[in-house]
Each structure stands twice: as structure tokens, then as C-alpha cells.
């Protein structure tokens, strides 16, 4: 298994974001996934509630499986 850690610069070798590179922001070790800064951004719709009376659309990074990443020197 690859030993990637927070702060490593990686390139995505498979999937929709193939060829893009970024820095590891967070590692989810139990799911064997990591969050890359600025890559795989999804939109999450928030319902109206007490904190947000109008609701909103939140953009955040989704995790990518570690097998799809390769460390850059």
C-alpha cells in the first residue's frame, strides 16, 4: 500500500479528474480515501431552515480513492 500523507502533492491517474494535481488536505483512513485541495468539487443543496432562511448551494471537495492517486516528487 502507498504511504501518502497530508501535505503530499499528488496527481490523479484514473477517473473524471485524470491528469489534475493537487495537495492532500485530509485523509480518511477507514474508507481508504483522501480529499484533494480544489479537485472533485461537488454542489450540496441546503434546505431552508433556522440558520439559512433562504437555503443555499454549498460547494465542497468530495473524497477520491487512494488507489487513483500517485505521489509527485
PDB file of N, CA and C in Angstrom:
ATOM      1  N   UNK A   1       0.837  -1.188   0.000  1.00  0.00           N
ATOM      2  CA  UNK A   1       0.000   0.000   0.000  1.00  0.00           C
ATOM      3  C   UNK A   1       0.879   1.248   0.000  1.00  0.00           C
ATOM      4  N   UNK A   2       0.447   2.249  -0.738  1.00  0.00           N
ATOM      5  CA  UNK A   2       1.180   3.510  -0.813  1.00  0.00           C
ATOM      6  C   UNK A   2       1.083   4.241   0.515  1.00  0.00           C
ATOM      7  N   UNK A   3       2.128   4.917   0.865  1.00  0.00           N
ATOM      8  CA  UNK A   3       2.131   5.702   2.094  1.00  0.00           C
ATOM      9  C   UNK A   3       2.003   7.182   1.754  1.00  0.00           C
ATOM     10  N   UNK A   4       0.784   7.613   1.508  1.00  0.00           N
ATOM     11  CA  UNK A   4       0.519   9.023   1.263  1.00  0.00           C
ATOM     12  C   UNK A   4       0.104   9.667   2.576  1.00  0.00           C
ATOM     13  N   UNK A   5       0.463  10.922   2.751  1.00  0.00           N
ATOM     14  CA  UNK A   5       0.104  11.618   3.979  1.00  0.00           C
ATOM     15  C   UNK A   5      -0.336  13.042   3.659  1.00  0.00           C
ATOM     16  N   UNK A   6      -0.887  13.707   4.637  1.00  0.00           N
ATOM     17  CA  UNK A   6      -1.375  15.063   4.492  1.00  0.00           C
ATOM     18  C   UNK A   6      -0.229  15.981   4.052  1.00  0.00           C
ATOM     19  N   UNK A   7      -0.494  16.800   3.032  1.00  0.00           N
ATOM     20  CA  UNK A   7       0.516  17.729   2.543  1.00  0.00           C
ATOM     21  C   UNK A   7       1.290  17.228   1.337  1.00  0.00           C
ATOM     22  N   UNK A   8       1.144  15.941   0.974  1.00  0.00           N
ATOM     23  CA  UNK A   8       1.821  15.394  -0.206  1.00  0.00           C
ATOM     24  C   UNK A   8       1.169  15.935  -1.475  1.00  0.00           C
ATOM     25  N   UNK A   9       1.991  16.199  -2.496  1.00  0.00           N
ATOM     26  CA  UNK A   9       1.475  16.615  -3.800  1.00  0.00           C
ATOM     27  C   UNK A   9       1.240  15.360  -4.628  1.00  0.00           C
ATOM     28  N   UNK A  10       0.018  15.220  -5.157  1.00  0.00           N
ATOM     29  CA  UNK A  10      -0.360  14.021  -5.894  1.00  0.00           C
ATOM     30  C   UNK A  10      -0.967  14.384  -7.245  1.00  0.00           C
ATOM     31  N   UNK A  11      -0.980  13.398  -8.147  1.00  0.00           N
ATOM     32  CA  UNK A  11      -1.644  13.524  -9.437  1.00  0.00           C
ATOM     33  C   UNK A  11      -2.687  12.414  -9.513  1.00  0.00           C
ATOM     34  N   UNK A  12      -3.823  12.711 -10.130  1.00  0.00           N
ATOM     35  CA  UNK A  12      -4.894  11.729 -10.264  1.00  0.00           C
ATOM     36  C   UNK A  12      -4.639  10.934 -11.537  1.00  0.00           C
ATOM     37  N   UNK A  13      -4.591   9.604 -11.407  1.00  0.00           N
ATOM     38  CA  UNK A  13      -4.228   8.754 -12.538  1.00  0.00           C
ATOM     39  C   UNK A  13      -5.421   8.043 -13.171  1.00  0.00           C
ATOM     40  N   UNK A  14      -6.608   8.142 -12.569  1.00  0.00           N
ATOM     41  CA  UNK A  14      -7.774   7.454 -13.118  1.00  0.00           C
ATOM     42  C   UNK A  14      -9.048   8.186 -12.713  1.00  0.00           C
ATOM     43  N   UNK A  15     -10.017   8.239 -13.598  1.00  0.00           N
ATOM     44  CA  UNK A  15     -11.317   8.831 -13.288  1.00  0.00           C
ATOM     45  C   UNK A  15     -11.565  10.110 -14.056  1.00  0.00           C
ATOM     46  N   UNK A  16     -12.618  10.819 -13.655  1.00  0.00           N
ATOM     47  CA  UNK A  16     -13.032  12.043 -14.342  1.00  0.00           C
ATOM     48  C   UNK A  16     -12.010  13.161 -14.252  1.00  0.00           C
ATOM     49  N   UNK A  17     -11.217  13.181 -13.216  1.00  0.00           N
ATOM     50  CA  UNK A  17     -10.247  14.257 -12.984  1.00  0.00           C
ATOM     51  C   UNK A  17      -8.823  13.821 -13.320  1.00  0.00           C
ATOM     52  N   UNK A  18      -8.691  12.849 -14.213  1.00  0.00           N
ATOM     53  CA  UNK A  18      -7.384  12.298 -14.598  1.00  0.00           C
ATOM     54  C   UNK A  18      -6.469  13.402 -15.120  1.00  0.00           C
ATOM     55  N   UNK A  19      -5.227  13.417 -14.616  1.00  0.00           N
ATOM     56  CA  UNK A  19      -4.237  14.390 -15.049  1.00  0.00           C
ATOM     57  C   UNK A  19      -4.142  15.626 -14.180  1.00  0.00           C
ATOM     58  N   UNK A  20      -5.138  15.868 -13.337  1.00  0.00           N
ATOM     59  CA  UNK A  20      -5.110  17.032 -12.446  1.00  0.00           C
ATOM     60  C   UNK A  20      -4.241  16.714 -11.231  1.00  0.00           C
ATOM     61  N   UNK A  21      -3.644  17.748 -10.656  1.00  0.00           N
ATOM     62  CA  UNK A  21      -2.804  17.534  -9.484  1.00  0.00           C
ATOM     63  C   UNK A  21      -3.206  18.505  -8.382  1.00  0.00           C
ATOM     64  N   UNK A  22      -2.854  18.145  -7.169  1.00  0.00           N
ATOM     65  CA  UNK A  22      -3.182  18.968  -6.016  1.00  0.00           C
ATOM     66  C   UNK A  22      -2.503  18.435  -4.774  1.00  0.00           C
ATOM     67  N   UNK A  23      -2.789  19.067  -3.658  1.00  0.00           N
ATOM     68  CA  UNK A  23      -2.192  18.712  -2.363  1.00  0.00           C
ATOM     69  C   UNK A  23      -3.249  18.028  -1.506  1.00  0.00           C
ATOM     70  N   UNK A  24      -2.848  16.978  -0.808  1.00  0.00           N
ATOM     71  CA  UNK A  24      -3.779  16.256   0.066  1.00  0.00           C
ATOM     72  C   UNK A  24      -4.128  17.140   1.257  1.00  0.00           C
ATOM     73  N   UNK A  25      -5.429  17.359   1.429  1.00  0.00           N
ATOM     74  CA  UNK A  25      -5.939  18.196   2.506  1.00  0.00           C
ATOM     75  C   UNK A  25      -6.275  17.366   3.750  1.00  0.00           C
ATOM     76  N   UNK A  26      -6.854  16.158   3.517  1.00  0.00           N
ATOM     77  CA  UNK A  26      -7.296  15.305   4.621  1.00  0.00           C
ATOM     78  C   UNK A  26      -7.314  13.867   4.141  1.00  0.00           C
ATOM     79  N   UNK A  27      -7.021  12.930   5.037  1.00  0.00           N
ATOM     80  CA  UNK A  27      -7.049  11.507   4.706  1.00  0.00           C
ATOM     81  C   UNK A  27      -8.118  10.824   5.559  1.00  0.00           C
ATOM     82  N   UNK A  28      -8.976  10.050   4.891  1.00  0.00           N
ATOM     83  CA  UNK A  28      -9.999   9.258   5.572  1.00  0.00           C
ATOM     84  C   UNK A  28      -9.512   7.810   5.555  1.00  0.00           C
ATOM     85  N   UNK A  29      -8.791   7.401   6.587  1.00  0.00           N
ATOM     86  CA  UNK A  29      -8.091   6.110   6.583  1.00  0.00           C
ATOM     87  C   UNK A  29      -9.025   4.906   6.606  1.00  0.00           C
ATOM     88  N   UNK A  30     -10.156   4.983   7.272  1.00  0.00           N
ATOM     89  CA  UNK A  30     -11.067   3.833   7.336  1.00  0.00           C
ATOM     90  C   UNK A  30     -11.722   3.547   5.986  1.00  0.00           C
ATOM     91  N   UNK A  31     -11.963   4.597   5.201  1.00  0.00           N
ATOM     92  CA  UNK A  31     -12.566   4.429   3.882  1.00  0.00           C
ATOM     93  C   UNK A  31     -11.511   4.332   2.785  1.00  0.00           C
ATOM     94  N   UNK A  32     -10.232   4.528   3.134  1.00  0.00           N
ATOM     95  CA  UNK A  32      -9.114   4.489   2.192  1.00  0.00           C
ATOM     96  C   UNK A  32      -9.288   5.548   1.101  1.00  0.00           C
ATOM     97  N   UNK A  33      -9.714   6.748   1.505  1.00  0.00           N
ATOM     98  CA  UNK A  33      -9.923   7.856   0.583  1.00  0.00           C
ATOM     99  C   UNK A  33      -9.228   9.102   1.114  1.00  0.00           C
ATOM    100  N   UNK A  34      -9.058  10.088   0.239  1.00  0.00           N
ATOM    101  CA  UNK A  34      -8.477  11.347   0.666  1.00  0.00           C
ATOM    102  C   UNK A  34      -9.152  12.504  -0.047  1.00  0.00           C
ATOM    103  N   UNK A  35      -9.057  13.685   0.556  1.00  0.00           N
ATOM    104  CA  UNK A  35      -9.626  14.895  -0.017  1.00  0.00           C
ATOM    105  C   UNK A  35      -8.470  15.729  -0.557  1.00  0.00           C
ATOM    106  N   UNK A  36      -8.565  16.079  -1.850  1.00  0.00           N
ATOM    107  CA  UNK A  36      -7.533  16.844  -2.520  1.00  0.00           C
ATOM    108  C   UNK A  36      -8.012  18.287  -2.655  1.00  0.00           C
ATOM    109  N   UNK A  37      -7.134  19.243  -2.361  1.00  0.00           N
ATOM    110  CA  UNK A  37      -7.474  20.658  -2.394  1.00  0.00           C
ATOM    111  C   UNK A  37      -7.830  21.109  -3.812  1.00  0.00           C
ATOM    112  N   UNK A  38      -9.087  21.543  -4.023  1.00  0.00           N
ATOM    113  CA  UNK A  38      -9.532  22.091  -5.297  1.00  0.00           C
ATOM    114  C   UNK A  38      -9.922  21.082  -6.360  1.00  0.00           C
ATOM    115  N   UNK A  39      -9.945  19.787  -6.032  1.00  0.00           N
ATOM    116  CA  UNK A  39     -10.275  18.747  -7.002  1.00  0.00           C
ATOM    117  C   UNK A  39     -11.560  18.039  -6.555  1.00  0.00           C
ATOM    118  N   UNK A  40     -12.354  17.557  -7.524  1.00  0.00           N
ATOM    119  CA  UNK A  40     -13.586  16.796  -7.280  1.00  0.00           C
ATOM    120  C   UNK A  40     -14.587  17.605  -6.449  1.00  0.00           C
ATOM    121  N   UNK A  41     -14.884  18.816  -6.903  1.00  0.00           N
ATOM    122  CA  UNK A  41     -15.803  19.695  -6.192  1.00  0.00           C
ATOM    123  C   UNK A  41     -17.246  19.326  -6.546  1.00  0.00           C
ATOM    124  N   UNK A  42     -18.079  19.160  -5.507  1.00  0.00           N
ATOM    125  CA  UNK A  42     -19.491  18.842  -5.681  1.00  0.00           C
ATOM    126  C   UNK A  42     -20.328  19.985  -5.120  1.00  0.00           C
ATOM    127  N   UNK A  43     -21.587  20.040  -5.551  1.00  0.00           N
ATOM    128  CA  UNK A  43     -22.516  21.034  -5.033  1.00  0.00           C
ATOM    129  C   UNK A  43     -23.532  20.335  -4.154  1.00  0.00           C
ATOM    130  N   UNK A  44     -23.686  20.819  -2.929  1.00  0.00           N
ATOM    131  CA  UNK A  44     -24.637  20.251  -1.982  1.00  0.00           C
ATOM    132  C   UNK A  44     -25.710  21.300  -1.710  1.00  0.00           C
ATOM    133  N   UNK A  45     -26.964  20.917  -1.917  1.00  0.00           N
ATOM    134  CA  UNK A  45     -28.074  21.836  -1.715  1.00  0.00           C
ATOM    135  C   UNK A  45     -28.529  21.777  -0.257  1.00  0.00           C
ATOM    136  N   UNK A  46     -28.596  22.942   0.393  1.00  0.00           N
ATOM    137  CA  UNK A  46     -29.001  23.048   1.788  1.00  0.00           C
ATOM    138  C   UNK A  46     -30.444  23.554   1.828  1.00  0.00           C
ATOM    139  N   UNK A  47     -31.308  22.830   2.545  1.00  0.00           N
ATOM    140  CA  UNK A  47     -32.712  23.229   2.674  1.00  0.00           C
ATOM    141  C   UNK A  47     -32.837  24.492   3.518  1.00  0.00           C
ATOM    142  N   UNK A  48     -33.884  25.273   3.293  1.00  0.00           N
ATOM    143  CA  UNK A  48     -34.123  26.421   4.172  1.00  0.00           C
ATOM    144  C   UNK A  48     -34.385  25.966   5.605  1.00  0.00           C
ATOM    145  N   UNK A  49     -33.859  26.700   6.543  1.00  0.00           N
ATOM    146  CA  UNK A  49     -34.037  26.361   7.952  1.00  0.00           C
ATOM    147  C   UNK A  49     -33.836  27.590   8.816  1.00  0.00           C
ATOM    148  N   UNK A  50     -33.573  27.385  10.077  1.00  0.00           N
ATOM    149  CA  UNK A  50     -33.402  28.495  11.008  1.00  0.00           C
ATOM    150  C   UNK A  50     -32.116  29.279  10.694  1.00  0.00           C
ATOM    151  N   UNK A  51     -31.018  28.576  10.450  1.00  0.00           N
ATOM    152  CA  UNK A  51     -29.739  29.248  10.160  1.00  0.00           C
ATOM    153  C   UNK A  51     -29.738  29.901   8.783  1.00  0.00           C
ATOM    154  N   UNK A  52     -30.310  29.235   7.792  1.00  0.00           N
ATOM    155  CA  UNK A  52     -30.373  29.742   6.428  1.00  0.00           C
ATOM    156  C   UNK A  52     -31.830  29.808   5.979  1.00  0.00           C
ATOM    157  N   UNK A  53     -32.492  30.949   6.182  1.00  0.00           N
ATOM    158  CA  UNK A  53     -33.913  31.025   5.820  1.00  0.00           C
ATOM    159  C   UNK A  53     -34.183  30.842   4.325  1.00  0.00           C
ATOM    160  N   UNK A  54     -33.234  31.209   3.477  1.00  0.00           N
ATOM    161  CA  UNK A  54     -33.421  31.048   2.038  1.00  0.00           C
ATOM    162  C   UNK A  54     -32.858  29.727   1.520  1.00  0.00           C
ATOM    163  N   UNK A  55     -32.011  29.080   2.305  1.00  0.00           N
ATOM    164  CA  UNK A  55     -31.312  27.895   1.826  1.00  0.00           C
ATOM    165  C   UNK A  55     -30.129  28.338   0.981  1.00  0.00           C
ATOM    166  N   UNK A  56     -29.291  27.418   0.534  1.00  0.00           N
ATOM    167  CA  UNK A  56     -28.167  27.797  -0.311  1.00  0.00           C
ATOM    168  C   UNK A  56     -27.546  26.569  -0.955  1.00  0.00           C
ATOM    169  N   UNK A  57     -26.634  26.812  -1.877  1.00  0.00           N
ATOM    170  CA  UNK A  57     -25.885  25.753  -2.532  1.00  0.00           C
ATOM    171  C   UNK A  57     -24.442  25.855  -2.052  1.00  0.00           C
ATOM    172  N   UNK A  58     -23.961  24.793  -1.437  1.00  0.00           N
ATOM    173  CA  UNK A  58     -22.620  24.758  -0.861  1.00  0.00           C
ATOM    174  C   UNK A  58     -21.706  23.948  -1.764  1.00  0.00           C
ATOM    175  N   UNK A  59     -20.532  24.480  -2.081  1.00  0.00           N
ATOM    176  CA  UNK A  59     -19.552  23.751  -2.886  1.00  0.00           C
ATOM    177  C   UNK A  59     -18.451  23.226  -1.969  1.00  0.00           C
ATOM    178  N   UNK A  60     -18.146  21.918  -2.083  1.00  0.00           N
ATOM    179  CA  UNK A  60     -17.097  21.335  -1.256  1.00  0.00           C
ATOM    180  C   UNK A  60     -16.417  20.202  -2.012  1.00  0.00           C
ATOM    181  N   UNK A  61     -15.233  19.813  -1.529  1.00  0.00           N
ATOM    182  CA  UNK A  61     -14.482  18.735  -2.167  1.00  0.00           C
ATOM    183  C   UNK A  61     -14.992  17.382  -1.679  1.00  0.00           C
ATOM    184  N   UNK A  62     -15.124  16.458  -2.612  1.00  0.00           N
ATOM    185  CA  UNK A  62     -15.527  15.093  -2.284  1.00  0.00           C
ATOM    186  C   UNK A  62     -14.265  14.225  -2.248  1.00  0.00           C
ATOM    187  N   UNK A  63     -14.275  13.142  -1.464  1.00  0.00           N
ATOM    188  CA  UNK A  63     -13.087  12.284  -1.381  1.00  0.00           C
ATOM    189  C   UNK A  63     -12.843  11.470  -2.647  1.00  0.00           C
ATOM    190  N   UNK A  64     -11.573  11.141  -2.880  1.00  0.00           N
ATOM    191  CA  UNK A  64     -11.139  10.314  -4.004  1.00  0.00           C
ATOM    192  C   UNK A  64     -10.407   9.111  -3.425  1.00  0.00           C
ATOM    193  N   UNK A  65     -10.626   7.939  -3.993  1.00  0.00           N
ATOM    194  CA  UNK A  65      -9.989   6.721  -3.501  1.00  0.00           C
ATOM    195  C   UNK A  65      -8.476   6.802  -3.683  1.00  0.00           C
ATOM    196  N   UNK A  66      -7.739   6.287  -2.692  1.00  0.00           N
ATOM    197  CA  UNK A  66      -6.280   6.372  -2.688  1.00  0.00           C
ATOM    198  C   UNK A  66      -5.629   5.625  -3.856  1.00  0.00           C
ATOM    199  N   UNK A  67      -6.302   4.600  -4.398  1.00  0.00           N
ATOM    200  CA  UNK A  67      -5.721   3.845  -5.499  1.00  0.00           C
ATOM    201  C   UNK A  67      -5.690   4.658  -6.789  1.00  0.00           C
ATOM    202  N   UNK A  68      -6.422   5.753  -6.841  1.00  0.00           N
ATOM    203  CA  UNK A  68      -6.451   6.616  -8.026  1.00  0.00           C
ATOM    204  C   UNK A  68      -5.437   7.743  -7.956  1.00  0.00           C
ATOM    205  N   UNK A  69      -4.583   7.744  -6.934  1.00  0.00           N
ATOM    206  CA  UNK A  69      -3.617   8.818  -6.731  1.00  0.00           C
ATOM    207  C   UNK A  69      -2.184   8.314  -6.874  1.00  0.00           C
ATOM    208  N   UNK A  70      -1.318   9.210  -7.329  1.00  0.00           N
ATOM    209  CA  UNK A  70       0.103   8.891  -7.441  1.00  0.00           C
ATOM    210  C   UNK A  70       0.893  10.079  -6.925  1.00  0.00           C
ATOM    211  N   UNK A  71       1.859   9.832  -6.065  1.00  0.00           N
ATOM    212  CA  UNK A  71       2.653  10.892  -5.457  1.00  0.00           C
ATOM    213  C   UNK A  71       3.600  11.521  -6.482  1.00  0.00           C
ATOM    214  N   UNK A  72       3.698  12.856  -6.434  1.00  0.00           N
ATOM    215  CA  UNK A  72       4.619  13.604  -7.288  1.00  0.00           C
ATOM    216  C   UNK A  72       5.802  14.026  -6.418  1.00  0.00           C
ATOM    217  N   UNK A  73       6.989  13.897  -6.954  1.00  0.00           N
ATOM    218  CA  UNK A  73       8.182  14.299  -6.167  1.00  0.00           C
ATOM    219  C   UNK A  73       8.412  15.775  -6.211  1.00  0.00           C
TER     220      UNK A  73
END
